[in-house]
């Protein structure tokens, strides 16, 4: 959200409906297709080249960037995100949050039993995945496949340890 805010001259509080799909790794898919900045469509405010060449790689490598800059672990950032999730889970929020949940195989083409980040909202102590997001464009299909394949490979690599 900060990167999008900086690029558009907005405040982080002005950003809504930004989603991060998939694995917490360089294959995650930061998705601004439905995002708004102060009520305006985010894709119309930034260039496709910026999204592809700057925004996406920067988000995907955020943890490594924090470690490099701070010379410390990015655990504090992850801890803050966990606190935000727990607060919103308890208090509820209609703002989109990217939350890693175990899949049942019916969500956006993601196979069963992966822990995968989806845009969600919260209410009454329950997490609800945002439904009906169009995933048909080629770039989205490619990025989703990449992060799904990585998660499947990771699961396969450790599956023998779980039996």
C-alpha atoms as a PDB file:
ATOM      1  CA  UNK A   1       0.000   0.000   0.000  1.00  0.00           C
ATOM      2  CA  UNK A   2       2.853   2.343   0.798  1.00  0.00           C
ATOM      3  CA  UNK A   3       4.422   1.871  -2.631  1.00  0.00           C
ATOM      4  CA  UNK A   4       1.126   2.621  -4.363  1.00  0.00           C
ATOM      5  CA  UNK A   5       0.539   5.638  -2.118  1.00  0.00           C
ATOM      6  CA  UNK A   6       4.010   7.029  -2.844  1.00  0.00           C
ATOM      7  CA  UNK A   7       3.593   6.528  -6.586  1.00  0.00           C
ATOM      8  CA  UNK A   8       0.232   8.306  -6.654  1.00  0.00           C
ATOM      9  CA  UNK A   9       0.966  11.020  -4.090  1.00  0.00           C
ATOM     10  CA  UNK A  10      -1.750   9.653  -1.806  1.00  0.00           C
ATOM     11  CA  UNK A  11      -1.857   8.539   1.811  1.00  0.00           C
ATOM     12  CA  UNK A  12      -1.819   4.868   2.734  1.00  0.00           C
ATOM     13  CA  UNK A  13      -5.267   5.400   4.297  1.00  0.00           C
ATOM     14  CA  UNK A  14      -6.534   6.357   0.810  1.00  0.00           C
ATOM     15  CA  UNK A  15      -5.742   2.880  -0.589  1.00  0.00           C
ATOM     16  CA  UNK A  16      -8.467   0.226  -0.644  1.00  0.00           C
ATOM     17  CA  UNK A  17      -8.944  -3.215  -2.175  1.00  0.00           C
ATOM     18  CA  UNK A  18      -5.301  -4.024  -2.803  1.00  0.00           C
ATOM     19  CA  UNK A  19      -4.807  -7.802  -2.757  1.00  0.00           C
ATOM     20  CA  UNK A  20      -1.745  -9.985  -2.369  1.00  0.00           C
ATOM     21  CA  UNK A  21      -2.348 -13.521  -3.603  1.00  0.00           C
ATOM     22  CA  UNK A  22      -0.364 -16.689  -2.945  1.00  0.00           C
ATOM     23  CA  UNK A  23       2.825 -17.507  -1.157  1.00  0.00           C
ATOM     24  CA  UNK A  24       4.891 -15.238   1.098  1.00  0.00           C
ATOM     25  CA  UNK A  25       7.830 -15.341  -1.283  1.00  0.00           C
ATOM     26  CA  UNK A  26       9.045 -13.705  -4.483  1.00  0.00           C
ATOM     27  CA  UNK A  27       6.192 -15.450  -6.339  1.00  0.00           C
ATOM     28  CA  UNK A  28       3.420 -13.659  -4.431  1.00  0.00           C
ATOM     29  CA  UNK A  29       1.093 -11.693  -6.672  1.00  0.00           C
ATOM     30  CA  UNK A  30       0.414  -8.112  -5.564  1.00  0.00           C
ATOM     31  CA  UNK A  31      -2.760  -7.194  -7.413  1.00  0.00           C
ATOM     32  CA  UNK A  32      -3.927  -3.602  -7.904  1.00  0.00           C
ATOM     33  CA  UNK A  33      -6.613  -4.445 -10.507  1.00  0.00           C
ATOM     34  CA  UNK A  34      -9.436  -3.737  -8.029  1.00  0.00           C
ATOM     35  CA  UNK A  35      -7.559  -1.252  -5.846  1.00  0.00           C
ATOM     36  CA  UNK A  36      -8.668   2.316  -5.426  1.00  0.00           C
ATOM     37  CA  UNK A  37      -6.744   5.420  -4.426  1.00  0.00           C
ATOM     38  CA  UNK A  38      -8.989   8.031  -2.831  1.00  0.00           C
ATOM     39  CA  UNK A  39     -11.910   6.431  -4.658  1.00  0.00           C
ATOM     40  CA  UNK A  40     -10.228   6.372  -8.079  1.00  0.00           C
ATOM     41  CA  UNK A  41      -9.239   3.180  -9.894  1.00  0.00           C
ATOM     42  CA  UNK A  42      -5.569   2.503  -9.110  1.00  0.00           C
ATOM     43  CA  UNK A  43      -4.669   0.965 -12.487  1.00  0.00           C
ATOM     44  CA  UNK A  44      -5.674   4.242 -14.157  1.00  0.00           C
ATOM     45  CA  UNK A  45      -3.321   6.224 -11.925  1.00  0.00           C
ATOM     46  CA  UNK A  46      -0.098   4.281 -12.569  1.00  0.00           C
ATOM     47  CA  UNK A  47       1.580   2.863 -15.641  1.00  0.00           C
ATOM     48  CA  UNK A  48       1.523  -0.840 -16.420  1.00  0.00           C
ATOM     49  CA  UNK A  49       5.318  -0.671 -16.724  1.00  0.00           C
ATOM     50  CA  UNK A  50       5.607   0.672 -13.150  1.00  0.00           C
ATOM     51  CA  UNK A  51       3.407  -2.157 -11.870  1.00  0.00           C
ATOM     52  CA  UNK A  52       5.426  -4.790 -13.750  1.00  0.00           C
ATOM     53  CA  UNK A  53       8.952  -3.427 -13.358  1.00  0.00           C
ATOM     54  CA  UNK A  54       8.906  -1.655  -9.977  1.00  0.00           C
ATOM     55  CA  UNK A  55       5.840  -2.333  -7.839  1.00  0.00           C
ATOM     56  CA  UNK A  56       5.521  -6.100  -8.230  1.00  0.00           C
ATOM     57  CA  UNK A  57       9.226  -6.961  -7.748  1.00  0.00           C
ATOM     58  CA  UNK A  58       9.510  -4.578  -4.789  1.00  0.00           C
ATOM     59  CA  UNK A  59       6.519  -6.118  -3.002  1.00  0.00           C
ATOM     60  CA  UNK A  60       7.750  -9.622  -3.790  1.00  0.00           C
ATOM     61  CA  UNK A  61      11.181  -8.868  -2.306  1.00  0.00           C
ATOM     62  CA  UNK A  62       9.989  -6.710   0.592  1.00  0.00           C
ATOM     63  CA  UNK A  63      11.257  -9.050   3.319  1.00  0.00           C
ATOM     64  CA  UNK A  64      14.724  -9.212   1.796  1.00  0.00           C
ATOM     65  CA  UNK A  65      14.770  -5.416   1.396  1.00  0.00           C
ATOM     66  CA  UNK A  66      13.906  -4.920   5.071  1.00  0.00           C
ATOM     67  CA  UNK A  67      16.670  -7.302   6.122  1.00  0.00           C
ATOM     68  CA  UNK A  68      19.182  -5.543   3.870  1.00  0.00           C
ATOM     69  CA  UNK A  69      18.250  -2.048   5.071  1.00  0.00           C
ATOM     70  CA  UNK A  70      17.891  -2.816   8.780  1.00  0.00           C
ATOM     71  CA  UNK A  71      20.584  -5.495   8.969  1.00  0.00           C
ATOM     72  CA  UNK A  72      17.977  -7.323  11.076  1.00  0.00           C
ATOM     73  CA  UNK A  73      15.198  -9.816  10.527  1.00  0.00           C
ATOM     74  CA  UNK A  74      11.900  -8.727   8.979  1.00  0.00           C
ATOM     75  CA  UNK A  75      10.098 -10.535  11.833  1.00  0.00           C
ATOM     76  CA  UNK A  76       8.991  -7.235  13.391  1.00  0.00           C
ATOM     77  CA  UNK A  77       7.159  -6.334  10.185  1.00  0.00           C
ATOM     78  CA  UNK A  78       5.480  -9.750  10.112  1.00  0.00           C
ATOM     79  CA  UNK A  79       4.617  -9.353  13.784  1.00  0.00           C
ATOM     80  CA  UNK A  80       2.977  -5.993  13.140  1.00  0.00           C
ATOM     81  CA  UNK A  81       0.961  -7.500  10.298  1.00  0.00           C
ATOM     82  CA  UNK A  82      -0.162 -10.304  12.624  1.00  0.00           C
ATOM     83  CA  UNK A  83      -1.300  -7.769  15.215  1.00  0.00           C
ATOM     84  CA  UNK A  84      -3.260  -5.886  12.540  1.00  0.00           C
ATOM     85  CA  UNK A  85      -4.937  -9.117  11.403  1.00  0.00           C
ATOM     86  CA  UNK A  86      -5.868 -10.121  14.928  1.00  0.00           C
ATOM     87  CA  UNK A  87      -7.272  -6.644  15.668  1.00  0.00           C
ATOM     88  CA  UNK A  88      -9.395  -6.723  12.535  1.00  0.00           C
ATOM     89  CA  UNK A  89     -10.449 -10.319  13.157  1.00  0.00           C
ATOM     90  CA  UNK A  90     -11.665  -9.342  16.623  1.00  0.00           C
ATOM     91  CA  UNK A  91     -13.180  -5.950  15.723  1.00  0.00           C
ATOM     92  CA  UNK A  92     -14.188  -6.641  12.142  1.00  0.00           C
ATOM     93  CA  UNK A  93     -13.237  -4.715   9.030  1.00  0.00           C
ATOM     94  CA  UNK A  94     -14.736  -4.420   5.595  1.00  0.00           C
ATOM     95  CA  UNK A  95     -11.342  -3.304   4.282  1.00  0.00           C
ATOM     96  CA  UNK A  96      -9.631  -5.963   2.174  1.00  0.00           C
ATOM     97  CA  UNK A  97      -6.812  -7.744   3.962  1.00  0.00           C
ATOM     98  CA  UNK A  98      -4.614 -10.403   2.427  1.00  0.00           C
ATOM     99  CA  UNK A  99      -4.864 -13.400   4.742  1.00  0.00           C
ATOM    100  CA  UNK A 100      -3.242 -16.815   4.361  1.00  0.00           C
ATOM    101  CA  UNK A 101      -5.919 -19.477   4.740  1.00  0.00           C
ATOM    102  CA  UNK A 102      -6.083 -23.216   4.098  1.00  0.00           C
ATOM    103  CA  UNK A 103      -7.811 -23.850   0.810  1.00  0.00           C
ATOM    104  CA  UNK A 104     -10.630 -26.295   0.216  1.00  0.00           C
ATOM    105  CA  UNK A 105     -10.015 -26.470  -3.546  1.00  0.00           C
ATOM    106  CA  UNK A 106     -12.940 -24.228  -4.532  1.00  0.00           C
ATOM    107  CA  UNK A 107     -11.290 -20.809  -4.215  1.00  0.00           C
ATOM    108  CA  UNK A 108     -10.088 -19.078  -7.371  1.00  0.00           C
ATOM    109  CA  UNK A 109      -8.622 -22.252  -8.883  1.00  0.00           C
ATOM    110  CA  UNK A 110      -6.224 -22.855  -6.003  1.00  0.00           C
ATOM    111  CA  UNK A 111      -5.830 -26.579  -5.207  1.00  0.00           C
ATOM    112  CA  UNK A 112      -6.976 -28.044  -1.914  1.00  0.00           C
ATOM    113  CA  UNK A 113      -4.894 -27.943   1.276  1.00  0.00           C
ATOM    114  CA  UNK A 114      -2.512 -25.112   0.438  1.00  0.00           C
ATOM    115  CA  UNK A 115      -2.019 -22.143   2.760  1.00  0.00           C
ATOM    116  CA  UNK A 116      -2.644 -19.331   0.312  1.00  0.00           C
ATOM    117  CA  UNK A 117      -3.150 -15.585   0.678  1.00  0.00           C
ATOM    118  CA  UNK A 118      -6.513 -14.258  -0.499  1.00  0.00           C
ATOM    119  CA  UNK A 119      -8.279 -10.905  -0.103  1.00  0.00           C
ATOM    120  CA  UNK A 120     -10.623 -11.215   2.877  1.00  0.00           C
ATOM    121  CA  UNK A 121     -12.841  -9.149   5.131  1.00  0.00           C
ATOM    122  CA  UNK A 122     -13.733  -9.856   8.756  1.00  0.00           C
ATOM    123  CA  UNK A 123     -16.886  -9.587  10.858  1.00  0.00           C
ATOM    124  CA  UNK A 124     -18.077 -11.119  14.128  1.00  0.00           C
ATOM    125  CA  UNK A 125     -14.803 -13.013  14.604  1.00  0.00           C
ATOM    126  CA  UNK A 126     -15.061 -14.668  11.178  1.00  0.00           C
ATOM    127  CA  UNK A 127     -12.908 -14.296   8.096  1.00  0.00           C
ATOM    128  CA  UNK A 128     -14.704 -14.112   4.745  1.00  0.00           C
ATOM    129  CA  UNK A 129     -12.898 -14.406   1.456  1.00  0.00           C
ATOM    130  CA  UNK A 130     -13.821 -11.715  -1.046  1.00  0.00           C
ATOM    131  CA  UNK A 131     -15.838 -13.476  -3.743  1.00  0.00           C
ATOM    132  CA  UNK A 132     -16.333 -12.795  -7.433  1.00  0.00           C
ATOM    133  CA  UNK A 133     -12.988 -11.247  -8.360  1.00  0.00           C
ATOM    134  CA  UNK A 134     -12.348 -11.704 -12.079  1.00  0.00           C
ATOM    135  CA  UNK A 135      -9.199 -13.761 -12.552  1.00  0.00           C
ATOM    136  CA  UNK A 136      -9.443 -14.237 -16.334  1.00  0.00           C
ATOM    137  CA  UNK A 137      -6.717 -11.960 -17.642  1.00  0.00           C
ATOM    138  CA  UNK A 138      -3.502 -13.590 -18.843  1.00  0.00           C
ATOM    139  CA  UNK A 139      -1.143 -11.827 -16.417  1.00  0.00           C
ATOM    140  CA  UNK A 140      -3.262 -12.854 -13.431  1.00  0.00           C
ATOM    141  CA  UNK A 141      -3.439 -16.441 -14.682  1.00  0.00           C
ATOM    142  CA  UNK A 142       0.361 -16.592 -15.094  1.00  0.00           C
ATOM    143  CA  UNK A 143       1.115 -15.058 -11.689  1.00  0.00           C
ATOM    144  CA  UNK A 144      -1.409 -17.268  -9.885  1.00  0.00           C
ATOM    145  CA  UNK A 145       0.014 -20.379 -11.561  1.00  0.00           C
ATOM    146  CA  UNK A 146       3.547 -19.416 -10.565  1.00  0.00           C
ATOM    147  CA  UNK A 147       2.736 -19.004  -6.850  1.00  0.00           C
ATOM    148  CA  UNK A 148       0.477 -22.106  -6.834  1.00  0.00           C
ATOM    149  CA  UNK A 149       3.220 -24.200  -8.448  1.00  0.00           C
ATOM    150  CA  UNK A 150       5.756 -22.983  -5.882  1.00  0.00           C
ATOM    151  CA  UNK A 151       3.464 -23.883  -2.979  1.00  0.00           C
ATOM    152  CA  UNK A 152       2.794 -27.328  -4.440  1.00  0.00           C
ATOM    153  CA  UNK A 153       6.550 -27.893  -4.881  1.00  0.00           C
ATOM    154  CA  UNK A 154       7.165 -26.820  -1.269  1.00  0.00           C
ATOM    155  CA  UNK A 155       4.420 -29.105   0.004  1.00  0.00           C
ATOM    156  CA  UNK A 156       5.772 -32.018  -2.045  1.00  0.00           C
ATOM    157  CA  UNK A 157       9.285 -31.434  -0.698  1.00  0.00           C
ATOM    158  CA  UNK A 158       8.176 -31.881   2.921  1.00  0.00           C
ATOM    159  CA  UNK A 159       5.177 -34.185   2.531  1.00  0.00           C
ATOM    160  CA  UNK A 160       7.150 -37.244   3.611  1.00  0.00           C
ATOM    161  CA  UNK A 161       7.901 -35.499   6.923  1.00  0.00           C
ATOM    162  CA  UNK A 162       4.209 -35.035   7.677  1.00  0.00           C
ATOM    163  CA  UNK A 163       3.267 -38.728   7.596  1.00  0.00           C
END
